[in-house]
């Protein structure tokens, strides 16, 4: 019996460790996105790095699901853990899509507000990392809610920047440019929405164990 319980706890730690690693990939990816807009002449290099991070994140996400499939008892509700993994992976997917559009659309200079939005997105992924790390002690650390609320506040800031950027974009006369830029702005805004999705799941978990 003792050996079986040891195995169960080992699997619990493994699942949460993989989620921690996935959250770290989100921070690393958003940091690279900031680098892309800060050093636009090296956009190709940043995109290559982001693509690599996205593939690594996909592997981690699959690992979470694999561990859950072979684990009878999970540290938290199985569906919650699946949603955290999927939504965190979505954040990284959208960031890879952003850098990919910059390259495919042959954008020659950093568009307005994108660096500002990317910096806010970096803050949001750091909040996601903090809240996921603290799931190891979800019953004893009520500061997790603080990170969830911060992620929501950052999303509102990004929404404001998004609306401002798109409003100015429609003052341009180049229809093709407008379509390309709006597509990228929307992907940035959606990435921040996915951070809030993670925060919503985590907040639900905290309330369950309150």
Protein backbone atom coordinates (compact mmCIF):
# COMPACT_ATOMS: atom_id res chain seq x y z
CA UNK A 1 0.00 0.00 0.00
CA UNK A 2 2.81 2.41 0.92
CA UNK A 3 4.57 1.73 -2.37
CA UNK A 4 1.35 2.40 -4.31
CA UNK A 5 0.78 5.73 -2.53
CA UNK A 6 4.38 6.71 -3.25
CA UNK A 7 3.77 6.02 -6.96
CA UNK A 8 0.59 8.13 -6.93
CA UNK A 9 2.37 11.10 -5.31
CA UNK A 10 5.26 10.74 -7.76
CA UNK A 11 2.81 11.05 -10.65
CA UNK A 12 1.16 14.08 -9.05
CA UNK A 13 4.50 15.85 -8.88
CA UNK A 14 5.33 14.87 -12.45
CA UNK A 15 2.10 16.32 -13.86
CA UNK A 16 2.55 19.63 -12.03
CA UNK A 17 6.23 19.75 -13.01
CA UNK A 18 5.31 19.42 -16.69
CA UNK A 19 2.77 22.22 -16.32
CA UNK A 20 5.47 24.36 -14.70
CA UNK A 21 7.77 23.68 -17.66
CA UNK A 22 4.98 24.54 -20.09
CA UNK A 23 4.36 27.87 -18.34
CA UNK A 24 8.09 28.62 -18.52
CA UNK A 25 7.94 28.02 -22.29
CA UNK A 26 5.12 30.58 -22.51
CA UNK A 27 7.29 33.17 -20.73
CA UNK A 28 10.29 32.36 -22.91
CA UNK A 29 8.17 32.63 -26.05
CA UNK A 30 6.64 35.97 -25.07
CA UNK A 31 10.08 37.27 -24.15
CA UNK A 32 11.32 36.29 -27.61
CA UNK A 33 8.31 38.06 -29.14
CA UNK A 34 9.34 41.23 -27.31
CA UNK A 35 12.85 40.74 -28.72
CA UNK A 36 11.36 40.40 -32.19
CA UNK A 37 9.63 43.77 -32.01
CA UNK A 38 12.59 45.38 -30.22
CA UNK A 39 15.18 44.17 -32.74
CA UNK A 40 13.10 43.96 -35.88
CA UNK A 41 16.11 43.52 -38.14
CA UNK A 42 16.54 40.09 -36.51
CA UNK A 43 12.89 39.05 -36.86
CA UNK A 44 13.80 35.87 -38.75
CA UNK A 45 16.03 34.70 -35.90
CA UNK A 46 13.34 35.41 -33.33
CA UNK A 47 10.74 33.56 -35.38
CA UNK A 48 13.02 30.53 -35.69
CA UNK A 49 13.44 30.49 -31.91
CA UNK A 50 9.70 30.88 -31.34
CA UNK A 51 8.97 27.98 -33.71
CA UNK A 52 11.36 25.79 -31.71
CA UNK A 53 9.71 26.81 -28.44
CA UNK A 54 6.26 26.10 -29.88
CA UNK A 55 7.29 22.56 -30.84
CA UNK A 56 8.76 21.98 -27.39
CA UNK A 57 5.53 23.25 -25.82
CA UNK A 58 3.48 20.86 -27.94
CA UNK A 59 5.57 17.96 -26.60
CA UNK A 60 5.02 19.10 -23.03
CA UNK A 61 1.28 19.39 -23.60
CA UNK A 62 1.15 15.88 -25.01
CA UNK A 63 3.13 14.71 -21.97
CA UNK A 64 0.53 16.21 -19.62
CA UNK A 65 -2.25 14.31 -21.38
CA UNK A 66 -0.17 11.11 -21.43
CA UNK A 67 0.49 11.35 -17.68
CA UNK A 68 -3.17 12.04 -16.98
CA UNK A 69 -4.23 9.02 -19.06
CA UNK A 70 -2.07 6.66 -17.02
CA UNK A 71 -2.77 8.23 -13.61
CA UNK A 72 -5.73 6.95 -11.60
CA UNK A 73 -5.61 9.70 -8.97
CA UNK A 74 -4.68 13.22 -10.08
CA UNK A 75 -3.52 16.11 -7.85
CA UNK A 76 -6.40 18.28 -9.08
CA UNK A 77 -9.45 17.61 -11.26
CA UNK A 78 -8.37 15.93 -14.49
CA UNK A 79 -10.42 18.29 -16.65
CA UNK A 80 -8.91 21.36 -14.98
CA UNK A 81 -5.37 20.12 -15.59
CA UNK A 82 -6.22 19.38 -19.23
CA UNK A 83 -7.65 22.87 -19.70
CA UNK A 84 -4.62 24.53 -18.11
CA UNK A 85 -2.29 22.61 -20.42
CA UNK A 86 -4.39 23.28 -23.54
CA UNK A 87 -4.91 26.99 -22.90
CA UNK A 88 -1.26 27.59 -22.00
CA UNK A 89 -0.26 25.80 -25.19
CA UNK A 90 -2.76 27.98 -27.08
CA UNK A 91 -0.97 31.12 -25.82
CA UNK A 92 2.28 29.82 -27.30
CA UNK A 93 0.57 28.75 -30.54
CA UNK A 94 -0.84 32.24 -31.05
CA UNK A 95 2.54 33.85 -30.40
CA UNK A 96 4.13 31.55 -32.98
CA UNK A 97 1.36 32.59 -35.36
CA UNK A 98 2.17 36.25 -34.73
CA UNK A 99 5.87 35.88 -35.51
CA UNK A 100 4.98 33.73 -38.51
CA UNK A 101 2.68 36.41 -39.92
CA UNK A 102 5.41 39.04 -39.51
CA UNK A 103 7.65 36.92 -41.73
CA UNK A 104 5.03 35.71 -44.25
CA UNK A 105 3.51 39.15 -44.70
CA UNK A 106 6.99 40.63 -45.31
CA UNK A 107 6.51 43.31 -42.67
CA UNK A 108 9.55 45.59 -42.99
CA UNK A 109 9.26 47.67 -39.81
CA UNK A 110 7.70 47.15 -36.37
CA UNK A 111 4.01 48.14 -36.53
CA UNK A 112 2.65 50.69 -34.04
CA UNK A 113 1.76 49.45 -30.54
CA UNK A 114 2.94 45.88 -31.18
CA UNK A 115 5.97 46.19 -28.93
CA UNK A 116 3.79 47.68 -26.19
CA UNK A 117 1.27 44.86 -26.53
CA UNK A 118 4.03 42.23 -26.59
CA UNK A 119 5.48 43.65 -23.35
CA UNK A 120 2.05 43.41 -21.71
CA UNK A 121 1.71 39.87 -23.01
CA UNK A 122 5.04 39.03 -21.40
CA UNK A 123 3.67 40.30 -18.08
CA UNK A 124 0.58 38.12 -18.55
CA UNK A 125 2.60 34.96 -19.21
CA UNK A 126 4.67 35.68 -16.09
CA UNK A 127 1.42 35.79 -14.11
CA UNK A 128 0.42 32.47 -15.68
CA UNK A 129 3.79 31.01 -14.69
CA UNK A 130 3.38 32.22 -11.10
CA UNK A 131 -0.15 30.87 -10.69
CA UNK A 132 0.74 27.46 -12.16
CA UNK A 133 3.84 27.17 -9.98
CA UNK A 134 1.72 27.85 -6.90
CA UNK A 135 -0.70 25.03 -7.75
CA UNK A 136 1.71 22.78 -5.84
CA UNK A 137 0.29 24.38 -2.70
CA UNK A 138 -3.16 25.39 -3.89
CA UNK A 139 -4.78 24.83 -0.49
CA UNK A 140 -2.24 26.90 1.39
CA UNK A 141 -1.38 29.79 -0.93
CA UNK A 142 -4.27 32.17 -1.48
CA UNK A 143 -2.00 34.64 -3.33
CA UNK A 144 -2.78 32.64 -6.48
CA UNK A 145 -5.95 34.70 -6.85
CA UNK A 146 -3.80 37.83 -7.00
CA UNK A 147 -2.00 36.48 -10.09
CA UNK A 148 -5.33 35.58 -11.69
CA UNK A 149 -6.67 39.11 -11.21
CA UNK A 150 -3.41 40.59 -12.53
CA UNK A 151 -3.74 38.55 -15.71
CA UNK A 152 -7.25 39.91 -16.16
CA UNK A 153 -6.09 43.51 -15.61
CA UNK A 154 -3.32 43.06 -18.19
CA UNK A 155 -5.85 41.71 -20.67
CA UNK A 156 -7.88 44.93 -20.25
CA UNK A 157 -4.73 46.97 -20.94
CA UNK A 158 -4.07 44.95 -24.09
CA UNK A 159 -7.69 45.41 -25.17
CA UNK A 160 -7.25 49.19 -24.87
CA UNK A 161 -4.02 49.10 -26.90
CA UNK A 162 -5.68 46.84 -29.47
CA UNK A 163 -8.62 49.19 -29.96
CA UNK A 164 -6.32 52.18 -30.24
CA UNK A 165 -4.09 50.41 -32.76
CA UNK A 166 -6.97 49.21 -34.92
CA UNK A 167 -8.66 52.62 -34.77
CA UNK A 168 -5.52 54.28 -36.14
CA UNK A 169 -5.04 51.46 -38.63
CA UNK A 170 -8.36 52.22 -40.32
CA UNK A 171 -7.14 55.74 -41.03
CA UNK A 172 -4.73 54.23 -43.59
CA UNK A 173 -5.59 54.00 -47.28
CA UNK A 174 -3.80 50.72 -48.03
CA UNK A 175 -6.44 47.96 -47.78
CA UNK A 176 -3.92 45.10 -47.98
CA UNK A 177 -1.81 46.63 -45.21
CA UNK A 178 -4.92 47.07 -43.05
CA UNK A 179 -5.90 43.41 -43.50
CA UNK A 180 -2.41 42.17 -42.62
CA UNK A 181 -2.02 44.38 -39.58
CA UNK A 182 -5.48 43.71 -38.21
CA UNK A 183 -4.79 39.98 -38.45
CA UNK A 184 -1.63 40.36 -36.37
CA UNK A 185 -3.26 42.67 -33.81
CA UNK A 186 -6.12 40.20 -33.40
CA UNK A 187 -3.69 37.33 -32.78
CA UNK A 188 -1.92 39.37 -30.07
CA UNK A 189 -5.23 40.20 -28.43
CA UNK A 190 -6.35 36.55 -28.57
CA UNK A 191 -3.09 35.38 -26.97
CA UNK A 192 -3.86 37.60 -23.99
CA UNK A 193 -7.41 36.18 -23.87
CA UNK A 194 -5.93 32.69 -23.56
CA UNK A 195 -3.86 33.84 -20.56
CA UNK A 196 -7.11 34.90 -18.92
CA UNK A 197 -8.62 31.50 -19.80
CA UNK A 198 -5.80 29.88 -17.80
CA UNK A 199 -6.39 32.32 -14.95
CA UNK A 200 -10.12 31.50 -14.93
CA UNK A 201 -9.41 27.77 -14.60
CA UNK A 202 -6.87 28.36 -11.83
CA UNK A 203 -9.25 30.66 -9.95
CA UNK A 204 -11.95 27.99 -10.14
CA UNK A 205 -9.47 25.49 -8.68
CA UNK A 206 -8.61 27.83 -5.81
CA UNK A 207 -12.30 28.33 -5.01
CA UNK A 208 -12.89 24.55 -5.03
CA UNK A 209 -10.15 24.06 -2.44
CA UNK A 210 -10.92 27.18 -0.37
